[in-house]
Amino acid sequence: MILRKDIRSILFFCTYLLCVVFSLGAAVNEGFTRWYTGIPFFILFFVITKKFNKSKRFSLLAFAIIFSSIYSNSILPKNSFLYPILNEGYLIVQEDGYIHQYSDNSAGFYKDEKEIKCTGCGEVKKHSVKSGERIKVEGISYSYPDLGFRRAYKTAYGNIVPETHFKLSHEAHPLLKLGELMYYPALPIILITSLTTIGKN
C-alpha cells in the first residue's frame, strides 16, 4: 500500500514538472502554433495547483506563470535576451555577391547580379555586398513555408535568412530549444492518463 502511494506521488510530481516545463516551452515556441499548443499544459498546471494547494496564493501564482508564458510568446521576436543580435548585432557577409530585395521585403543572396530565382516576387532591388561586410539587424520575423519554420533577420536590405552566405554576430539563446517540445501534441493525452491514474485509490 505504501509502495503504491509512493508511485502515485512520483507520478504526480513528474506530471506537474512536465506541465511546468511545457508551459515554459510554449513561452519560447517559434513554431506556427506559437503558445496555443501550450493550452492543455496550462490547464493541467492550473488544475493540479488548485487541487493540491488550497491556498489562493498558489492559484494566483500558477495563473501569473501562465499569463507570463502567453505574454512572453506574444513579444518573442522583440526579446533581446533570447535574440542578443537585436542589441546592435549584425550579419557578416561571407562572400562577394548581391542581395536581391523583393517587393514583399524578402531577400536572397546571389553571386550573379542577373540571377533571379524568385518568381512573382515583384520589383527587385539589387544591393552589392562584399565579403566581411556587416549588415545591421533591425528585427526578427518568422515564416512557415509548408508548415515548417524559418527565422529571418530584418535589415535595410530586406528580411534575410542566414544560410551559408551569412554569419551571425550573436547566436540565438539555447533556451529557444525548449520551444521544440511543442512539436509533441500527443503528450497531453499521456499527462491526462497519468492524472486519471493519480486520482484512483
N, C-alpha and C. Protein backbone atom coordinates (compact mmCIF):
# COMPACT_ATOMS: atom_id res chain seq x y z
N MET A 1 0.84 -1.20 0.00
CA MET A 1 0.00 0.00 0.00
C MET A 1 0.87 1.25 0.00
N ILE A 2 1.95 1.22 0.81
CA ILE A 2 2.87 2.35 0.88
C ILE A 2 3.58 2.54 -0.46
N LEU A 3 3.96 1.40 -1.09
CA LEU A 3 4.64 1.45 -2.37
C LEU A 3 3.74 2.08 -3.43
N ARG A 4 2.47 1.70 -3.43
CA ARG A 4 1.52 2.24 -4.39
C ARG A 4 1.35 3.74 -4.20
N LYS A 5 1.33 4.17 -2.95
CA LYS A 5 1.20 5.60 -2.65
C LYS A 5 2.43 6.35 -3.12
N ASP A 6 3.60 5.76 -2.93
CA ASP A 6 4.85 6.38 -3.36
C ASP A 6 4.88 6.53 -4.88
N ILE A 7 4.39 5.51 -5.59
CA ILE A 7 4.36 5.55 -7.05
C ILE A 7 3.45 6.68 -7.53
N ARG A 8 2.28 6.81 -6.86
CA ARG A 8 1.35 7.88 -7.22
C ARG A 8 1.98 9.25 -6.99
N SER A 9 2.73 9.39 -5.90
CA SER A 9 3.38 10.66 -5.58
C SER A 9 4.44 11.01 -6.63
N ILE A 10 5.20 10.00 -7.01
CA ILE A 10 6.24 10.21 -8.03
C ILE A 10 5.60 10.57 -9.36
N LEU A 11 4.52 9.88 -9.71
CA LEU A 11 3.81 10.13 -10.96
C LEU A 11 3.22 11.54 -10.96
N PHE A 12 2.66 11.94 -9.84
CA PHE A 12 2.11 13.28 -9.70
C PHE A 12 3.20 14.33 -9.88
N PHE A 13 4.33 14.12 -9.23
CA PHE A 13 5.43 15.08 -9.31
C PHE A 13 5.94 15.22 -10.74
N CYS A 14 6.12 14.08 -11.42
CA CYS A 14 6.60 14.09 -12.81
C CYS A 14 5.62 14.80 -13.74
N THR A 15 4.32 14.54 -13.52
CA THR A 15 3.29 15.19 -14.32
C THR A 15 3.31 16.70 -14.11
N TYR A 16 3.40 17.09 -12.86
CA TYR A 16 3.42 18.52 -12.52
C TYR A 16 4.66 19.19 -13.12
N LEU A 17 5.80 18.51 -13.02
CA LEU A 17 7.05 19.05 -13.54
C LEU A 17 6.98 19.21 -15.06
N LEU A 18 6.38 18.22 -15.73
CA LEU A 18 6.23 18.29 -17.19
C LEU A 18 5.34 19.46 -17.59
N CYS A 19 4.30 19.70 -16.83
CA CYS A 19 3.41 20.83 -17.10
C CYS A 19 4.17 22.14 -17.02
N VAL A 20 5.03 22.27 -16.01
CA VAL A 20 5.82 23.48 -15.85
C VAL A 20 6.79 23.66 -17.02
N VAL A 21 7.48 22.57 -17.36
CA VAL A 21 8.46 22.62 -18.45
C VAL A 21 7.80 22.97 -19.79
N PHE A 22 6.64 22.35 -20.06
CA PHE A 22 5.97 22.60 -21.33
C PHE A 22 5.30 23.97 -21.35
N SER A 23 4.95 24.49 -20.18
CA SER A 23 4.45 25.86 -20.13
C SER A 23 5.56 26.84 -20.50
N LEU A 24 6.77 26.54 -20.05
CA LEU A 24 7.93 27.36 -20.43
C LEU A 24 8.23 27.18 -21.92
N GLY A 25 8.04 25.94 -22.41
CA GLY A 25 8.26 25.68 -23.83
C GLY A 25 7.32 26.49 -24.70
N ALA A 26 6.08 26.64 -24.25
CA ALA A 26 5.10 27.43 -25.00
C ALA A 26 5.52 28.90 -25.07
N ALA A 27 6.20 29.36 -24.03
CA ALA A 27 6.63 30.76 -23.98
C ALA A 27 7.67 31.08 -25.04
N VAL A 28 8.46 30.09 -25.43
CA VAL A 28 9.55 30.33 -26.40
C VAL A 28 9.34 29.55 -27.70
N ASN A 29 8.10 29.16 -27.96
CA ASN A 29 7.80 28.39 -29.17
C ASN A 29 7.75 29.31 -30.39
N GLU A 30 8.68 29.12 -31.33
CA GLU A 30 8.72 29.93 -32.54
C GLU A 30 7.84 29.35 -33.65
N GLY A 31 7.37 28.11 -33.46
CA GLY A 31 6.58 27.43 -34.48
C GLY A 31 5.26 28.12 -34.78
N PHE A 32 4.59 27.68 -35.85
CA PHE A 32 3.36 28.35 -36.28
C PHE A 32 2.23 28.23 -35.26
N THR A 33 2.31 27.25 -34.35
CA THR A 33 1.27 27.10 -33.32
C THR A 33 1.47 28.08 -32.17
N ARG A 34 2.68 28.69 -32.11
CA ARG A 34 3.03 29.65 -31.06
C ARG A 34 2.68 29.11 -29.68
N TRP A 35 1.94 29.87 -28.84
CA TRP A 35 1.66 29.41 -27.47
C TRP A 35 0.42 28.53 -27.39
N TYR A 36 -0.32 28.38 -28.49
CA TYR A 36 -1.60 27.67 -28.45
C TYR A 36 -1.45 26.19 -28.08
N THR A 37 -0.35 25.56 -28.50
CA THR A 37 -0.16 24.15 -28.14
C THR A 37 0.15 23.98 -26.66
N GLY A 38 0.36 25.10 -25.97
CA GLY A 38 0.60 25.01 -24.53
C GLY A 38 -0.68 25.02 -23.72
N ILE A 39 -1.83 25.24 -24.37
CA ILE A 39 -3.10 25.33 -23.66
C ILE A 39 -3.40 24.10 -22.79
N PRO A 40 -3.24 22.86 -23.31
CA PRO A 40 -3.50 21.69 -22.46
C PRO A 40 -2.62 21.66 -21.21
N PHE A 41 -1.36 22.10 -21.37
CA PHE A 41 -0.43 22.11 -20.23
C PHE A 41 -0.79 23.23 -19.25
N PHE A 42 -1.25 24.35 -19.76
CA PHE A 42 -1.69 25.43 -18.88
C PHE A 42 -2.85 24.96 -18.00
N ILE A 43 -3.80 24.28 -18.64
CA ILE A 43 -4.99 23.80 -17.92
C ILE A 43 -4.59 22.79 -16.84
N LEU A 44 -3.77 21.82 -17.22
CA LEU A 44 -3.34 20.79 -16.26
C LEU A 44 -2.55 21.42 -15.12
N PHE A 45 -1.68 22.35 -15.46
CA PHE A 45 -0.87 23.03 -14.46
C PHE A 45 -1.74 23.75 -13.45
N PHE A 46 -2.75 24.46 -13.94
CA PHE A 46 -3.65 25.22 -13.06
C PHE A 46 -4.51 24.28 -12.22
N VAL A 47 -5.06 23.24 -12.84
CA VAL A 47 -5.93 22.29 -12.13
C VAL A 47 -5.17 21.57 -11.02
N ILE A 48 -3.96 21.10 -11.34
CA ILE A 48 -3.17 20.39 -10.32
C ILE A 48 -2.82 21.33 -9.17
N THR A 49 -2.41 22.54 -9.51
CA THR A 49 -2.05 23.51 -8.47
C THR A 49 -3.23 23.79 -7.55
N LYS A 50 -4.41 24.00 -8.15
CA LYS A 50 -5.59 24.33 -7.36
C LYS A 50 -6.06 23.15 -6.52
N LYS A 51 -5.89 21.94 -7.04
CA LYS A 51 -6.37 20.75 -6.32
C LYS A 51 -5.50 20.41 -5.12
N PHE A 52 -4.19 20.54 -5.29
CA PHE A 52 -3.28 20.10 -4.24
C PHE A 52 -2.74 21.24 -3.39
N ASN A 53 -3.05 22.48 -3.76
CA ASN A 53 -2.67 23.61 -2.94
C ASN A 53 -3.91 24.48 -2.74
N LYS A 54 -4.54 24.38 -1.61
CA LYS A 54 -5.81 25.05 -1.36
C LYS A 54 -5.68 26.56 -1.24
N SER A 55 -4.47 27.04 -0.95
CA SER A 55 -4.26 28.47 -0.79
C SER A 55 -4.46 29.19 -2.14
N LYS A 56 -5.14 30.32 -2.08
CA LYS A 56 -5.38 31.11 -3.30
C LYS A 56 -4.08 31.67 -3.86
N ARG A 57 -3.07 31.81 -3.01
CA ARG A 57 -1.79 32.36 -3.45
C ARG A 57 -1.16 31.48 -4.52
N PHE A 58 -1.26 30.16 -4.32
CA PHE A 58 -0.67 29.24 -5.29
C PHE A 58 -1.44 29.27 -6.60
N SER A 59 -2.75 29.41 -6.51
CA SER A 59 -3.56 29.50 -7.73
C SER A 59 -3.23 30.77 -8.50
N LEU A 60 -3.05 31.88 -7.77
CA LEU A 60 -2.69 33.15 -8.41
C LEU A 60 -1.30 33.07 -9.02
N LEU A 61 -0.40 32.36 -8.33
CA LEU A 61 0.96 32.19 -8.85
C LEU A 61 0.94 31.38 -10.15
N ALA A 62 0.13 30.32 -10.17
CA ALA A 62 0.01 29.49 -11.37
C ALA A 62 -0.56 30.32 -12.53
N PHE A 63 -1.58 31.13 -12.21
CA PHE A 63 -2.18 31.99 -13.23
C PHE A 63 -1.16 33.00 -13.76
N ALA A 64 -0.35 33.54 -12.86
CA ALA A 64 0.67 34.52 -13.26
C ALA A 64 1.71 33.88 -14.18
N ILE A 65 2.09 32.63 -13.87
CA ILE A 65 3.06 31.93 -14.71
C ILE A 65 2.49 31.68 -16.11
N ILE A 66 1.21 31.27 -16.14
CA ILE A 66 0.54 31.01 -17.43
C ILE A 66 0.44 32.29 -18.25
N PHE A 67 0.01 33.38 -17.59
CA PHE A 67 -0.11 34.66 -18.28
C PHE A 67 1.25 35.13 -18.80
N SER A 68 2.29 34.97 -17.98
CA SER A 68 3.64 35.38 -18.37
C SER A 68 4.12 34.59 -19.58
N SER A 69 3.78 33.30 -19.62
CA SER A 69 4.16 32.45 -20.74
C SER A 69 3.52 32.94 -22.04
N ILE A 70 2.21 33.25 -21.98
CA ILE A 70 1.49 33.73 -23.16
C ILE A 70 2.03 35.09 -23.61
N TYR A 71 2.24 35.98 -22.65
CA TYR A 71 2.73 37.32 -22.99
C TYR A 71 4.14 37.26 -23.57
N SER A 72 5.00 36.43 -22.96
CA SER A 72 6.37 36.30 -23.46
C SER A 72 6.40 35.82 -24.89
N ASN A 73 5.49 34.90 -25.22
CA ASN A 73 5.45 34.39 -26.59
C ASN A 73 4.96 35.46 -27.56
N SER A 74 4.03 36.30 -27.11
CA SER A 74 3.47 37.32 -28.00
C SER A 74 4.50 38.38 -28.38
N ILE A 75 5.52 38.58 -27.55
CA ILE A 75 6.57 39.56 -27.86
C ILE A 75 7.91 38.87 -28.16
N LEU A 76 7.87 37.60 -28.46
CA LEU A 76 9.07 36.80 -28.65
C LEU A 76 10.06 37.39 -29.67
N PRO A 77 9.59 37.84 -30.84
CA PRO A 77 10.56 38.37 -31.83
C PRO A 77 11.28 39.64 -31.38
N LYS A 78 10.80 40.27 -30.30
CA LYS A 78 11.42 41.50 -29.80
C LYS A 78 12.29 41.27 -28.57
N ASN A 79 12.40 40.00 -28.17
CA ASN A 79 13.11 39.68 -26.94
C ASN A 79 14.63 39.67 -27.17
N SER A 80 15.29 40.71 -26.69
CA SER A 80 16.74 40.84 -26.91
C SER A 80 17.56 39.90 -26.03
N PHE A 81 16.93 39.32 -25.00
CA PHE A 81 17.64 38.33 -24.18
C PHE A 81 17.78 37.02 -24.96
N LEU A 82 16.70 36.61 -25.62
CA LEU A 82 16.74 35.38 -26.40
C LEU A 82 17.41 35.58 -27.76
N TYR A 83 17.33 36.83 -28.25
CA TYR A 83 17.99 37.17 -29.51
C TYR A 83 18.99 38.31 -29.25
N PRO A 84 20.17 37.98 -28.74
CA PRO A 84 21.17 39.03 -28.43
C PRO A 84 21.56 39.86 -29.65
N ILE A 85 21.32 39.32 -30.83
CA ILE A 85 21.68 40.04 -32.06
C ILE A 85 20.88 41.33 -32.21
N LEU A 86 19.76 41.44 -31.48
CA LEU A 86 18.94 42.66 -31.54
C LEU A 86 19.63 43.83 -30.84
N ASN A 87 20.63 43.52 -30.02
CA ASN A 87 21.40 44.57 -29.34
C ASN A 87 22.59 44.98 -30.20
N GLU A 88 22.32 45.78 -31.20
CA GLU A 88 23.38 46.27 -32.10
C GLU A 88 24.12 45.13 -32.81
N GLY A 89 23.44 44.02 -33.05
CA GLY A 89 24.06 42.90 -33.75
C GLY A 89 24.00 43.06 -35.26
N TYR A 90 24.64 42.15 -35.97
CA TYR A 90 24.72 42.27 -37.42
C TYR A 90 24.96 40.90 -38.08
N LEU A 91 24.72 40.87 -39.38
CA LEU A 91 25.06 39.72 -40.21
C LEU A 91 26.38 40.00 -40.91
N ILE A 92 27.24 39.02 -40.97
CA ILE A 92 28.54 39.18 -41.63
C ILE A 92 28.50 38.44 -42.97
N VAL A 93 28.68 39.18 -44.05
CA VAL A 93 28.67 38.58 -45.39
C VAL A 93 29.91 37.71 -45.56
N GLN A 94 29.71 36.50 -46.07
CA GLN A 94 30.80 35.53 -46.17
C GLN A 94 31.48 35.51 -47.54
N GLU A 95 30.85 36.09 -48.55
CA GLU A 95 31.47 36.14 -49.88
C GLU A 95 30.86 37.27 -50.70
N ASP A 96 31.60 37.71 -51.69
CA ASP A 96 31.11 38.79 -52.55
C ASP A 96 29.89 38.32 -53.32
N GLY A 97 28.95 39.24 -53.53
CA GLY A 97 27.76 38.88 -54.28
C GLY A 97 26.73 40.00 -54.26
N TYR A 98 25.47 39.60 -54.42
CA TYR A 98 24.38 40.57 -54.48
C TYR A 98 23.21 40.09 -53.62
N ILE A 99 22.60 41.02 -52.92
CA ILE A 99 21.37 40.73 -52.19
C ILE A 99 20.23 41.32 -52.99
N HIS A 100 19.29 40.47 -53.37
CA HIS A 100 18.11 40.92 -54.10
C HIS A 100 16.96 41.11 -53.11
N GLN A 101 16.45 42.29 -53.04
CA GLN A 101 15.35 42.64 -52.13
C GLN A 101 14.06 42.77 -52.95
N TYR A 102 13.06 41.97 -52.57
CA TYR A 102 11.82 41.92 -53.34
C TYR A 102 10.75 42.83 -52.72
N SER A 103 9.66 43.00 -53.46
CA SER A 103 8.61 43.93 -53.03
C SER A 103 7.94 43.51 -51.72
N ASP A 104 7.98 42.20 -51.40
CA ASP A 104 7.41 41.76 -50.12
C ASP A 104 8.43 41.84 -49.00
N ASN A 105 9.59 42.45 -49.30
CA ASN A 105 10.70 42.67 -48.38
C ASN A 105 11.50 41.41 -48.05
N SER A 106 11.21 40.31 -48.71
CA SER A 106 12.06 39.14 -48.58
C SER A 106 13.34 39.40 -49.36
N ALA A 107 14.38 38.65 -49.08
CA ALA A 107 15.67 38.88 -49.74
C ALA A 107 16.40 37.57 -49.95
N GLY A 108 17.26 37.55 -50.94
CA GLY A 108 18.07 36.37 -51.22
C GLY A 108 19.45 36.76 -51.70
N PHE A 109 20.41 35.88 -51.50
CA PHE A 109 21.79 36.16 -51.90
C PHE A 109 22.09 35.47 -53.23
N TYR A 110 22.76 36.19 -54.11
CA TYR A 110 23.13 35.65 -55.42
C TYR A 110 24.54 36.09 -55.76
N LYS A 111 25.29 35.20 -56.38
CA LYS A 111 26.64 35.55 -56.83
C LYS A 111 26.60 36.37 -58.11
N ASP A 112 25.56 36.11 -58.92
CA ASP A 112 25.40 36.81 -60.18
C ASP A 112 24.31 37.88 -60.04
N GLU A 113 24.60 39.09 -60.45
CA GLU A 113 23.65 40.19 -60.34
C GLU A 113 22.36 39.92 -61.11
N LYS A 114 22.45 39.20 -62.23
CA LYS A 114 21.29 38.98 -63.09
C LYS A 114 20.49 37.74 -62.69
N GLU A 115 21.02 36.95 -61.80
CA GLU A 115 20.34 35.70 -61.39
C GLU A 115 19.15 36.02 -60.49
N ILE A 116 17.98 35.52 -60.85
CA ILE A 116 16.78 35.70 -60.04
C ILE A 116 16.03 34.37 -59.98
N LYS A 117 15.87 33.82 -58.77
CA LYS A 117 15.20 32.53 -58.61
C LYS A 117 13.76 32.68 -58.12
N CYS A 118 13.42 33.87 -57.67
CA CYS A 118 12.09 34.09 -57.13
C CYS A 118 11.14 34.54 -58.24
N THR A 119 10.04 33.83 -58.40
CA THR A 119 9.06 34.20 -59.42
C THR A 119 7.83 34.82 -58.75
N GLY A 120 7.31 35.88 -59.34
CA GLY A 120 6.13 36.55 -58.79
C GLY A 120 6.42 37.36 -57.55
N CYS A 121 7.69 37.74 -57.33
CA CYS A 121 8.06 38.49 -56.14
C CYS A 121 7.98 40.00 -56.36
N GLY A 122 7.65 40.41 -57.56
CA GLY A 122 7.53 41.84 -57.83
C GLY A 122 8.87 42.49 -58.11
N GLU A 123 8.93 43.78 -57.86
CA GLU A 123 10.12 44.56 -58.15
C GLU A 123 11.32 44.07 -57.34
N VAL A 124 12.48 44.09 -57.99
CA VAL A 124 13.70 43.62 -57.34
C VAL A 124 14.69 44.78 -57.19
N LYS A 125 15.18 44.98 -55.94
CA LYS A 125 16.25 45.94 -55.70
C LYS A 125 17.53 45.14 -55.45
N LYS A 126 18.59 45.52 -56.10
CA LYS A 126 19.84 44.78 -56.01
C LYS A 126 20.87 45.57 -55.20
N HIS A 127 21.48 44.88 -54.24
CA HIS A 127 22.48 45.51 -53.38
C HIS A 127 23.78 44.72 -53.48
N SER A 128 24.83 45.37 -53.91
CA SER A 128 26.14 44.73 -53.99
C SER A 128 26.76 44.67 -52.60
N VAL A 129 27.26 43.49 -52.22
CA VAL A 129 27.90 43.33 -50.91
C VAL A 129 29.25 42.64 -51.07
N LYS A 130 30.14 42.91 -50.12
CA LYS A 130 31.49 42.35 -50.15
C LYS A 130 31.70 41.42 -48.95
N SER A 131 32.58 40.47 -49.12
CA SER A 131 32.90 39.56 -48.03
C SER A 131 33.43 40.33 -46.83
N GLY A 132 32.90 40.03 -45.65
CA GLY A 132 33.30 40.72 -44.43
C GLY A 132 32.44 41.92 -44.09
N GLU A 133 31.56 42.32 -45.03
CA GLU A 133 30.68 43.46 -44.78
C GLU A 133 29.68 43.12 -43.68
N ARG A 134 29.38 44.09 -42.84
CA ARG A 134 28.44 43.90 -41.74
C ARG A 134 27.11 44.58 -42.07
N ILE A 135 26.04 43.83 -41.90
CA ILE A 135 24.69 44.35 -42.16
C ILE A 135 23.93 44.37 -40.84
N LYS A 136 23.54 45.55 -40.40
CA LYS A 136 22.88 45.71 -39.10
C LYS A 136 21.52 45.00 -39.08
N VAL A 137 21.26 44.28 -38.00
CA VAL A 137 19.98 43.59 -37.81
C VAL A 137 19.02 44.53 -37.08
N GLU A 138 17.84 44.72 -37.65
CA GLU A 138 16.85 45.64 -37.08
C GLU A 138 15.68 44.93 -36.41
N GLY A 139 15.56 43.62 -36.63
CA GLY A 139 14.45 42.89 -36.03
C GLY A 139 14.45 41.44 -36.47
N ILE A 140 13.47 40.70 -35.97
CA ILE A 140 13.30 39.27 -36.28
C ILE A 140 11.91 39.05 -36.86
N SER A 141 11.81 38.18 -37.85
CA SER A 141 10.50 37.82 -38.38
C SER A 141 10.45 36.31 -38.59
N TYR A 142 9.23 35.75 -38.53
CA TYR A 142 9.03 34.32 -38.73
C TYR A 142 8.19 34.07 -39.97
N SER A 143 8.44 32.94 -40.62
CA SER A 143 7.58 32.48 -41.70
C SER A 143 7.48 30.97 -41.59
N TYR A 144 6.42 30.42 -42.18
CA TYR A 144 6.15 28.98 -42.02
C TYR A 144 5.84 28.32 -43.36
N PRO A 145 6.82 28.19 -44.22
CA PRO A 145 6.59 27.52 -45.52
C PRO A 145 6.34 26.03 -45.34
N ASP A 146 5.23 25.55 -45.90
CA ASP A 146 4.88 24.12 -45.82
C ASP A 146 4.85 23.64 -44.37
N LEU A 147 4.31 24.47 -43.47
CA LEU A 147 4.19 24.18 -42.04
C LEU A 147 5.54 24.02 -41.36
N GLY A 148 6.60 24.39 -42.06
CA GLY A 148 7.92 24.36 -41.46
C GLY A 148 8.17 25.68 -40.74
N PHE A 149 9.42 25.95 -40.41
CA PHE A 149 9.75 27.18 -39.71
C PHE A 149 10.99 27.82 -40.32
N ARG A 150 10.91 29.14 -40.47
CA ARG A 150 12.05 29.88 -40.99
C ARG A 150 12.16 31.20 -40.25
N ARG A 151 13.34 31.45 -39.71
CA ARG A 151 13.60 32.70 -38.99
C ARG A 151 14.40 33.62 -39.89
N ALA A 152 13.90 34.83 -40.08
CA ALA A 152 14.59 35.81 -40.91
C ALA A 152 14.99 37.01 -40.07
N TYR A 153 16.05 37.67 -40.51
CA TYR A 153 16.56 38.84 -39.80
C TYR A 153 16.29 40.08 -40.64
N LYS A 154 15.57 41.03 -40.04
CA LYS A 154 15.20 42.26 -40.75
C LYS A 154 16.40 43.19 -40.87
N THR A 155 16.68 43.61 -42.09
CA THR A 155 17.79 44.52 -42.35
C THR A 155 17.34 45.58 -43.36
N ALA A 156 18.22 46.53 -43.63
CA ALA A 156 17.92 47.56 -44.63
C ALA A 156 17.84 46.96 -46.02
N TYR A 157 18.38 45.73 -46.20
CA TYR A 157 18.37 45.05 -47.49
C TYR A 157 17.21 44.04 -47.61
N GLY A 158 16.33 44.03 -46.62
CA GLY A 158 15.23 43.08 -46.63
C GLY A 158 15.36 42.06 -45.52
N ASN A 159 14.44 41.12 -45.50
CA ASN A 159 14.46 40.07 -44.48
C ASN A 159 15.33 38.91 -44.96
N ILE A 160 16.45 38.75 -44.31
CA ILE A 160 17.46 37.78 -44.75
C ILE A 160 17.42 36.53 -43.88
N VAL A 161 17.40 35.38 -44.53
CA VAL A 161 17.51 34.09 -43.84
C VAL A 161 18.95 33.63 -43.95
N PRO A 162 19.71 33.69 -42.86
CA PRO A 162 21.13 33.33 -42.92
C PRO A 162 21.32 31.85 -43.28
N GLU A 163 22.12 31.63 -44.30
CA GLU A 163 22.46 30.26 -44.66
C GLU A 163 23.99 30.20 -44.74
N THR A 164 24.52 29.76 -45.85
CA THR A 164 25.98 29.67 -45.95
C THR A 164 26.62 31.01 -46.30
N HIS A 165 25.80 31.98 -46.72
CA HIS A 165 26.34 33.25 -47.20
C HIS A 165 26.48 34.31 -46.11
N PHE A 166 25.92 34.02 -44.92
CA PHE A 166 25.97 35.00 -43.83
C PHE A 166 26.31 34.31 -42.52
N LYS A 167 26.94 35.06 -41.65
CA LYS A 167 27.25 34.57 -40.30
C LYS A 167 26.67 35.55 -39.30
N LEU A 168 26.10 35.02 -38.22
CA LEU A 168 25.50 35.86 -37.19
C LEU A 168 26.56 36.37 -36.22
N SER A 169 26.45 37.64 -35.84
CA SER A 169 27.38 38.17 -34.83
C SER A 169 27.06 37.59 -33.45
N HIS A 170 25.78 37.25 -33.23
CA HIS A 170 25.34 36.64 -31.97
C HIS A 170 24.33 35.54 -32.28
N GLU A 171 24.52 34.38 -31.71
CA GLU A 171 23.58 33.28 -31.90
C GLU A 171 22.38 33.43 -30.98
N ALA A 172 21.26 32.84 -31.38
CA ALA A 172 20.05 32.86 -30.54
C ALA A 172 20.31 32.06 -29.26
N HIS A 173 19.59 32.42 -28.20
CA HIS A 173 19.79 31.77 -26.90
C HIS A 173 19.33 30.31 -26.95
N PRO A 174 20.09 29.40 -26.32
CA PRO A 174 19.72 27.98 -26.30
C PRO A 174 18.35 27.70 -25.69
N LEU A 175 17.83 28.61 -24.86
CA LEU A 175 16.51 28.42 -24.25
C LEU A 175 15.41 28.25 -25.30
N LEU A 176 15.65 28.77 -26.50
CA LEU A 176 14.65 28.64 -27.57
C LEU A 176 14.43 27.18 -27.96
N LYS A 177 15.39 26.33 -27.63
CA LYS A 177 15.25 24.90 -27.92
C LYS A 177 14.07 24.29 -27.16
N LEU A 178 13.71 24.91 -26.03
CA LEU A 178 12.56 24.42 -25.26
C LEU A 178 11.28 24.47 -26.09
N GLY A 179 11.21 25.41 -27.01
CA GLY A 179 10.03 25.54 -27.85
C GLY A 179 9.79 24.32 -28.73
N GLU A 180 10.85 23.55 -29.01
CA GLU A 180 10.72 22.36 -29.84
C GLU A 180 9.90 21.26 -29.15
N LEU A 181 9.75 21.38 -27.84
CA LEU A 181 8.92 20.41 -27.11
C LEU A 181 7.47 20.46 -27.58
N MET A 182 7.06 21.61 -28.10
CA MET A 182 5.66 21.77 -28.51
C MET A 182 5.34 21.03 -29.81
N TYR A 183 6.33 20.33 -30.36
CA TYR A 183 6.09 19.51 -31.53
C TYR A 183 5.46 18.16 -31.16
N TYR A 184 5.27 17.94 -29.87
CA TYR A 184 4.75 16.64 -29.41
C TYR A 184 3.36 16.83 -28.80
N PRO A 185 2.34 17.05 -29.64
CA PRO A 185 0.99 17.33 -29.15
C PRO A 185 0.31 16.15 -28.46
N ALA A 186 0.85 14.95 -28.64
CA ALA A 186 0.23 13.77 -28.03
C ALA A 186 0.53 13.68 -26.54
N LEU A 187 1.51 14.43 -26.07
CA LEU A 187 1.90 14.33 -24.67
C LEU A 187 0.79 14.70 -23.69
N PRO A 188 -0.08 15.68 -24.01
CA PRO A 188 -1.17 15.96 -23.07
C PRO A 188 -2.04 14.76 -22.78
N ILE A 189 -2.23 13.87 -23.77
CA ILE A 189 -3.03 12.65 -23.56
C ILE A 189 -2.36 11.78 -22.51
N ILE A 190 -1.04 11.70 -22.59
CA ILE A 190 -0.28 10.90 -21.61
C ILE A 190 -0.43 11.51 -20.22
N LEU A 191 -0.36 12.85 -20.16
CA LEU A 191 -0.49 13.52 -18.86
C LEU A 191 -1.88 13.34 -18.26
N ILE A 192 -2.91 13.42 -19.10
CA ILE A 192 -4.28 13.23 -18.62
C ILE A 192 -4.46 11.81 -18.09
N THR A 193 -3.87 10.84 -18.80
CA THR A 193 -3.92 9.45 -18.34
C THR A 193 -3.23 9.31 -16.99
N SER A 194 -2.11 10.03 -16.84
CA SER A 194 -1.39 9.99 -15.57
C SER A 194 -2.23 10.58 -14.44
N LEU A 195 -2.92 11.68 -14.73
CA LEU A 195 -3.76 12.31 -13.71
C LEU A 195 -4.91 11.39 -13.31
N THR A 196 -5.45 10.69 -14.28
CA THR A 196 -6.54 9.73 -14.01
C THR A 196 -6.04 8.63 -13.08
N THR A 197 -4.82 8.20 -13.35
CA THR A 197 -4.20 7.16 -12.50
C THR A 197 -3.99 7.67 -11.10
N ILE A 198 -3.54 8.93 -11.01
CA ILE A 198 -3.31 9.52 -9.69
C ILE A 198 -4.58 9.60 -8.88
N GLY A 199 -5.68 9.89 -9.57
CA GLY A 199 -6.95 10.06 -8.87
C GLY A 199 -7.57 8.77 -8.36
N LYS A 200 -7.08 7.65 -8.84
CA LYS A 200 -7.64 6.36 -8.40
C LYS A 200 -7.06 5.96 -7.04
N ASN A 201 -7.87 5.38 -6.23
CA ASN A 201 -7.42 4.92 -4.90
C ASN A 201 -6.94 3.47 -4.97
